Structures are given as C-alpha cells and as structure tokens.
C-alpha cells in the first residue's frame, strides 16, 4: 500500500496506459543516480544511494526533527527510503510517465521549506533564547518550592520528632526511620520541586508560607500529622525548564518575519475562476419563472 501511494504521489495521476510519447529522461523526472562524488552508502537493486543523498535528505527534515537521524540505524532507514523512491522514479520513467510538472513543483516546495527551515534554525541561539526569556518574564512566573516532609500517625509523635530536629537530628534519617509516606520515605522525605495544587490544601497552605530553610510545626493533613521543610523557593521557572517552548516560539517568529520580509506590501489578487467577479449565478430552482423578458 505504501509503495502504491508513493507511485501515485510521484506521477500525480491515476495509473493508465499512456499514449505514445517521446522517451523522458531521468533528469526530467528528477531521478537521482548517486553519482555525485561522495561515497556510496546503500544499494537497492539497480540503484545506489550516496552519503550526499542522505545528507540532503536529512537537510530537508525540519530542525526540530533532525536529531532523530543521528544514529546509523535511522540513517539506514532514510537511505532505504531514498533508494525506494529512486526505483519508483525510474519505473515511472520506463512506463513513459512525464512527471516534470510534479517534479518542478516538488523542487519549488522543497527549496522554500528548506529556506524557512535554515532561517528558523539560525534564529535559535543561546542569546536569542535568553532574550526572549527575559523580555517575556511574566509568562514564566510560577511559585514553586523544594520540599520534603515526614508523615506520622499522631500529633504527639510529630512533636517528638520536631524536638529531635531542633536538637540537631537529621531530617533525612528521621524520615527514613519514621515517615508513613512510602513514596518519599526512602529518599529521606524529599518531594522535590512542586507548585501549588499538587498536595493536600492544608499541606500547601503551610508549606508555601514557610521561608527557605524553615521547618513547620506539626500540621494535620489528609496524609497524617506532617512536618514540612522547605529547602528552596523560586518564583520563576528556570530557563532550562522552558527552553524547548521558547525555541519553538523563536523559530516561529523567525519564519513569520521572513515571510513578512519576502511579501513586503504585496496583497493577494485572485483572477479568472478564483476571482470574486467570476462567480457563477446560482442555478434557478425547478419551476421558477424564467428571469429573461
């Protein structure tokens, strides 16, 4: 099924017996031959694929997806696809198909897409990402805390552990020895960075009111009696956490700017069948009077 679809896309028309026509050339159809001076990296039947062919194929992939083709295995799949398309192109040539119009349109589209892709990729630098991050600081406001806790069954036990903490006991050791929270117990009570809303409301109310380095008094939560310690606070998402989203935005802005530059003040104009003035009047319904006098 995939091969048939590729053939239909390649020739741009249903398969049928063509009328006699002058033989077409591989160049007219855009069929490659791998003869470009670089090393041959794959063969399939009568066609071969060069390293340059693979490099060009990778270059046509968007920047954001290109990293998937860094391994030998992925490049083998890409080389196989090039070889399959090359065989199909030659089969179309042998069958007498003239796909020069389709080849020209495909080249036009590929060049335009590659130009945009290169422009997008060049716009993404450490400086441009940081500049966007700083210029849109309000978008990255998010209060988060680096928290850990100890959960016990009774208020009395919580007060006992709090006295031990104030006497210099290790929070991690007490958590591993007493906490009922199985998810954080083995990590010494560490929960990691989190925003509001992830934990019990009573827990969050106390935790987000603590200063950095402060431990709460025992607080009753849905988990049990809890001692909460805040090791760190942030009110802005770190750049590295939001970098992927910023890079996408920088690429999009670069593509938009390029198109705006190329278009200038030009406005679309539609003619002929696409013109507003060429719309056909609706067909009269059956039984309607003849509008002509």
Protein backbone atom coordinates (compact mmCIF):
# COMPACT_ATOMS: atom_id res chain seq x y z
CA UNK A 1 0.00 0.00 0.00
CA UNK A 2 2.83 2.43 0.89
CA UNK A 3 4.60 1.78 -2.42
CA UNK A 4 1.37 2.34 -4.39
CA UNK A 5 0.76 5.64 -2.58
CA UNK A 6 4.30 6.76 -3.33
CA UNK A 7 3.79 5.97 -7.00
CA UNK A 8 0.54 7.92 -7.15
CA UNK A 9 2.17 10.92 -5.47
CA UNK A 10 5.14 10.71 -7.79
CA UNK A 11 3.23 10.72 -11.08
CA UNK A 12 0.35 12.90 -9.89
CA UNK A 13 -2.34 10.99 -11.82
CA UNK A 14 -4.07 7.59 -11.92
CA UNK A 15 -2.14 4.71 -13.44
CA UNK A 16 -3.23 4.16 -17.03
CA UNK A 17 -1.76 3.14 -20.37
CA UNK A 18 -0.01 6.24 -21.69
CA UNK A 19 -0.28 7.37 -25.29
CA UNK A 20 2.96 7.21 -27.29
CA UNK A 21 5.29 9.99 -26.24
CA UNK A 22 8.95 10.80 -26.63
CA UNK A 23 11.07 8.99 -24.04
CA UNK A 24 11.55 11.02 -20.90
CA UNK A 25 14.88 11.29 -19.13
CA UNK A 26 15.86 10.65 -15.55
CA UNK A 27 16.72 14.33 -15.24
CA UNK A 28 13.25 15.35 -16.44
CA UNK A 29 11.67 13.25 -13.73
CA UNK A 30 14.22 14.22 -11.12
CA UNK A 31 15.55 10.67 -10.72
CA UNK A 32 18.93 10.66 -9.00
CA UNK A 33 21.78 8.24 -9.62
CA UNK A 34 24.06 8.62 -6.60
CA UNK A 35 26.90 9.73 -8.85
CA UNK A 36 27.92 12.90 -7.03
CA UNK A 37 31.47 12.11 -5.93
CA UNK A 38 30.65 11.15 -2.35
CA UNK A 39 30.88 7.62 -1.00
CA UNK A 40 28.13 5.09 -1.75
CA UNK A 41 26.35 4.07 1.47
CA UNK A 42 23.47 1.90 0.22
CA UNK A 43 22.34 -0.13 -2.79
CA UNK A 44 18.90 -1.48 -3.66
CA UNK A 45 18.53 -3.41 -6.88
CA UNK A 46 19.93 -1.31 -9.68
CA UNK A 47 20.11 1.96 -7.76
CA UNK A 48 22.62 3.27 -5.27
CA UNK A 49 22.49 5.97 -2.61
CA UNK A 50 25.38 8.24 -1.74
CA UNK A 51 26.32 9.92 1.50
CA UNK A 52 25.39 13.21 -0.16
CA UNK A 53 21.92 11.83 -0.89
CA UNK A 54 21.47 11.01 2.80
CA UNK A 55 22.81 14.41 3.89
CA UNK A 56 20.40 16.19 1.55
CA UNK A 57 17.50 14.08 2.81
CA UNK A 58 18.39 14.96 6.41
CA UNK A 59 18.65 18.62 5.41
CA UNK A 60 15.06 18.55 4.18
CA UNK A 61 13.86 17.41 7.60
CA UNK A 62 12.78 20.17 9.98
CA UNK A 63 15.36 21.25 12.54
CA UNK A 64 13.23 20.07 15.44
CA UNK A 65 13.01 16.52 13.99
CA UNK A 66 16.55 16.27 12.60
CA UNK A 67 18.03 14.98 15.85
CA UNK A 68 16.18 11.70 15.29
CA UNK A 69 18.55 10.89 12.44
CA UNK A 70 21.85 10.91 14.30
CA UNK A 71 22.21 7.13 14.55
CA UNK A 72 23.36 4.66 11.90
CA UNK A 73 20.08 2.75 12.22
CA UNK A 74 17.92 5.80 11.49
CA UNK A 75 20.14 6.86 8.58
CA UNK A 76 19.83 3.35 7.12
CA UNK A 77 16.04 3.75 7.13
CA UNK A 78 16.40 7.10 5.42
CA UNK A 79 18.80 5.70 2.79
CA UNK A 80 16.34 2.86 2.10
CA UNK A 81 13.53 5.36 1.56
CA UNK A 82 15.70 7.32 -0.89
CA UNK A 83 16.50 4.09 -2.76
CA UNK A 84 12.83 3.06 -2.93
CA UNK A 85 11.81 6.46 -4.29
CA UNK A 86 14.65 6.32 -6.81
CA UNK A 87 13.48 2.90 -8.06
CA UNK A 88 9.91 4.17 -8.34
CA UNK A 89 11.10 7.22 -10.23
CA UNK A 90 12.90 5.03 -12.75
CA UNK A 91 9.88 2.73 -13.04
CA UNK A 92 7.74 5.77 -13.86
CA UNK A 93 10.29 6.81 -16.47
CA UNK A 94 10.27 3.34 -18.04
CA UNK A 95 6.46 3.40 -18.13
CA UNK A 96 6.54 6.65 -20.07
CA UNK A 97 5.16 8.98 -17.43
CA UNK A 98 6.06 12.64 -17.81
CA UNK A 99 6.10 13.97 -14.26
CA UNK A 100 8.22 17.03 -14.99
CA UNK A 101 5.49 19.39 -13.72
CA UNK A 102 5.19 17.47 -10.46
CA UNK A 103 8.98 17.33 -10.10
CA UNK A 104 9.24 21.08 -10.65
CA UNK A 105 6.53 21.80 -8.07
CA UNK A 106 8.15 19.40 -5.56
CA UNK A 107 11.51 21.14 -6.02
CA UNK A 108 9.90 24.56 -5.56
CA UNK A 109 8.20 23.44 -2.37
CA UNK A 110 11.36 21.77 -1.03
CA UNK A 111 13.53 24.85 -1.67
CA UNK A 112 11.02 27.16 0.03
CA UNK A 113 10.68 24.81 3.02
CA UNK A 114 14.44 24.44 3.33
CA UNK A 115 14.94 28.21 3.22
CA UNK A 116 12.43 28.66 6.04
CA UNK A 117 13.97 25.78 7.98
CA UNK A 118 17.51 27.19 7.73
CA UNK A 119 16.24 30.63 8.74
CA UNK A 120 14.44 29.16 11.76
CA UNK A 121 17.49 27.16 12.81
CA UNK A 122 19.80 30.17 12.52
CA UNK A 123 17.50 32.25 14.72
CA UNK A 124 17.79 29.86 17.67
CA UNK A 125 20.87 30.81 19.69
CA UNK A 126 21.59 30.98 23.41
CA UNK A 127 21.40 34.76 23.14
CA UNK A 128 18.03 34.81 21.34
CA UNK A 129 16.52 32.27 23.73
CA UNK A 130 17.69 34.19 26.79
CA UNK A 131 16.49 37.48 25.30
CA UNK A 132 13.01 36.04 24.76
CA UNK A 133 13.02 34.62 28.29
CA UNK A 134 13.91 37.99 29.80
CA UNK A 135 11.54 40.01 27.59
CA UNK A 136 8.59 37.76 28.48
CA UNK A 137 9.43 37.19 32.13
CA UNK A 138 5.79 37.47 33.20
CA UNK A 139 4.96 34.33 31.21
CA UNK A 140 7.33 32.26 33.32
CA UNK A 141 6.16 33.32 36.76
CA UNK A 142 5.43 30.21 38.81
CA UNK A 143 5.87 29.92 42.56
CA UNK A 144 7.50 26.59 43.39
CA UNK A 145 9.18 25.14 46.47
CA UNK A 146 11.76 22.42 47.01
CA UNK A 147 10.10 20.48 49.83
CA UNK A 148 10.42 17.41 51.99
CA UNK A 149 8.24 16.06 54.74
CA UNK A 150 7.77 13.47 57.45
CA UNK A 151 4.32 11.96 57.92
CA UNK A 152 3.40 10.20 61.17
CA UNK A 153 0.20 8.92 62.72
CA UNK A 154 -0.17 11.10 65.83
CA UNK A 155 0.39 14.72 66.79
CA UNK A 156 2.41 13.59 69.79
CA UNK A 157 4.86 11.66 67.61
CA UNK A 158 5.17 14.67 65.28
CA UNK A 159 6.08 16.95 68.22
CA UNK A 160 8.64 14.41 69.43
CA UNK A 161 10.34 14.35 66.01
CA UNK A 162 10.24 18.14 65.80
CA UNK A 163 12.12 18.40 69.12
CA UNK A 164 14.73 15.98 67.78
CA UNK A 165 15.10 18.10 64.62
CA UNK A 166 15.59 21.24 66.67
CA UNK A 167 18.19 19.39 68.71
CA UNK A 168 20.17 18.71 65.53
CA UNK A 169 18.85 15.37 64.28
CA UNK A 170 18.99 14.66 60.53
CA UNK A 171 15.69 15.27 58.74
CA UNK A 172 16.55 12.53 56.22
CA UNK A 173 17.31 9.97 58.91
CA UNK A 174 14.10 10.71 60.82
CA UNK A 175 12.07 10.49 57.60
CA UNK A 176 13.60 7.14 56.66
CA UNK A 177 13.02 5.82 60.15
CA UNK A 178 9.51 7.11 60.86
CA UNK A 179 7.64 8.53 57.84
CA UNK A 180 4.48 6.82 56.64
CA UNK A 181 4.84 8.26 53.13
CA UNK A 182 6.29 5.35 51.19
CA UNK A 183 6.99 7.46 48.08
CA UNK A 184 9.34 9.86 49.85
CA UNK A 185 10.50 7.83 52.86
CA UNK A 186 13.46 6.08 51.22
CA UNK A 187 14.61 9.43 49.78
CA UNK A 188 14.78 10.99 53.22
CA UNK A 189 11.40 12.66 52.84
CA UNK A 190 12.40 14.55 49.69
CA UNK A 191 9.46 15.53 47.44
CA UNK A 192 11.38 17.79 45.06
CA UNK A 193 10.24 20.95 43.30
CA UNK A 194 6.49 21.43 43.15
CA UNK A 195 3.88 24.09 42.55
CA UNK A 196 0.69 24.87 44.41
CA UNK A 197 -2.17 22.45 43.97
CA UNK A 198 -0.17 19.25 43.83
CA UNK A 199 -0.60 18.42 47.50
CA UNK A 200 -3.33 18.46 50.14
CA UNK A 201 -4.74 22.04 50.60
CA UNK A 202 -3.77 22.12 54.29
CA UNK A 203 -0.26 20.95 53.38
CA UNK A 204 0.11 23.58 50.63
CA UNK A 205 -1.17 26.41 52.82
CA UNK A 206 1.53 25.77 55.40
CA UNK A 207 4.33 24.81 53.00
CA UNK A 208 4.04 27.87 50.76
CA UNK A 209 4.03 30.15 53.81
CA UNK A 210 7.40 28.83 55.02
CA UNK A 211 10.65 30.63 54.37
CA UNK A 212 13.56 28.89 52.70
CA UNK A 213 15.28 26.61 55.24
CA UNK A 214 12.32 26.63 57.64
CA UNK A 215 10.51 23.60 59.12
CA UNK A 216 6.83 23.75 60.06
CA UNK A 217 5.16 22.87 63.31
CA UNK A 218 3.09 19.67 63.09
CA UNK A 219 0.19 20.17 60.67
CA UNK A 220 -2.74 17.84 60.23
CA UNK A 221 -3.22 16.83 56.58
CA UNK A 222 -5.07 14.08 54.76
CA UNK A 223 -1.80 12.10 54.86
CA UNK A 224 -1.46 12.28 58.67
CA UNK A 225 0.41 14.57 61.04
CA UNK A 226 3.13 16.17 58.97
CA UNK A 227 6.38 18.08 59.44
CA UNK A 228 7.24 20.07 56.30
CA UNK A 229 10.66 21.50 55.44
CA UNK A 230 11.26 23.94 52.56
CA UNK A 231 14.81 23.69 51.22
CA UNK A 232 14.38 26.24 48.44
CA UNK A 233 11.93 28.63 46.77
CA UNK A 234 11.56 30.04 43.26
CA UNK A 235 9.03 32.42 41.78
CA UNK A 236 10.12 31.92 38.16
CA UNK A 237 10.55 28.78 36.09
CA UNK A 238 14.25 28.21 35.32
CA UNK A 239 15.30 28.93 31.73
CA UNK A 240 16.35 25.34 31.05
CA UNK A 241 12.90 24.04 32.02
CA UNK A 242 11.16 26.26 29.45
CA UNK A 243 13.88 26.34 26.78
CA UNK A 244 12.15 23.90 24.35
CA UNK A 245 9.00 26.02 24.25
CA UNK A 246 10.99 29.22 23.80
CA UNK A 247 12.99 27.69 20.95
CA UNK A 248 9.75 26.77 19.16
CA UNK A 249 8.50 30.33 19.58
CA UNK A 250 11.77 31.84 18.34
CA UNK A 251 11.65 29.61 15.25
CA UNK A 252 8.06 30.58 14.54
CA UNK A 253 8.85 34.28 14.94
CA UNK A 254 11.78 33.94 12.54
CA UNK A 255 9.60 32.21 9.93
CA UNK A 256 6.90 34.88 10.29
CA UNK A 257 9.47 37.66 9.92
CA UNK A 258 10.96 36.03 6.82
CA UNK A 259 7.57 35.72 5.13
CA UNK A 260 6.71 39.32 6.01
CA UNK A 261 10.01 40.48 4.54
CA UNK A 262 9.50 38.50 1.33
CA UNK A 263 5.89 39.61 0.86
CA UNK A 264 6.58 43.27 1.55
CA UNK A 265 3.41 45.23 0.77
CA UNK A 266 2.11 42.68 -1.74
CA UNK A 267 -1.53 41.66 -1.37
CA UNK A 268 -3.10 38.53 -2.90
CA UNK A 269 -5.12 39.05 -6.08
CA UNK A 270 -7.39 36.34 -7.45
CA UNK A 271 -8.23 36.15 -11.14
CA UNK A 272 -10.22 34.00 -13.52
CA UNK A 273 -12.05 31.14 -11.87
CA UNK A 274 -10.84 32.33 -8.46
CA UNK A 275 -11.99 35.90 -8.94
CA UNK A 276 -14.93 37.20 -6.91
CA UNK A 277 -16.36 38.76 -10.08
CA UNK A 278 -16.34 35.43 -11.90
CA UNK A 279 -18.69 33.60 -9.59
CA UNK A 280 -21.47 31.86 -11.47
CA UNK A 281 -25.01 32.86 -10.64
CA UNK A 282 -26.93 30.11 -8.84
CA UNK A 283 -28.96 27.73 -10.97
CA UNK A 284 -32.72 28.55 -10.71
CA UNK A 285 -34.80 26.01 -8.86
CA UNK A 286 -37.21 23.81 -10.85
CA UNK A 287 -40.48 25.60 -11.62
CA UNK A 288 -39.07 29.08 -11.03
CA UNK A 289 -40.12 31.72 -13.58
CA UNK A 290 -37.72 32.49 -16.42
CA UNK A 291 -35.92 35.74 -15.48
CA UNK A 292 -35.43 36.72 -19.15
CA UNK A 293 -38.15 39.03 -20.64
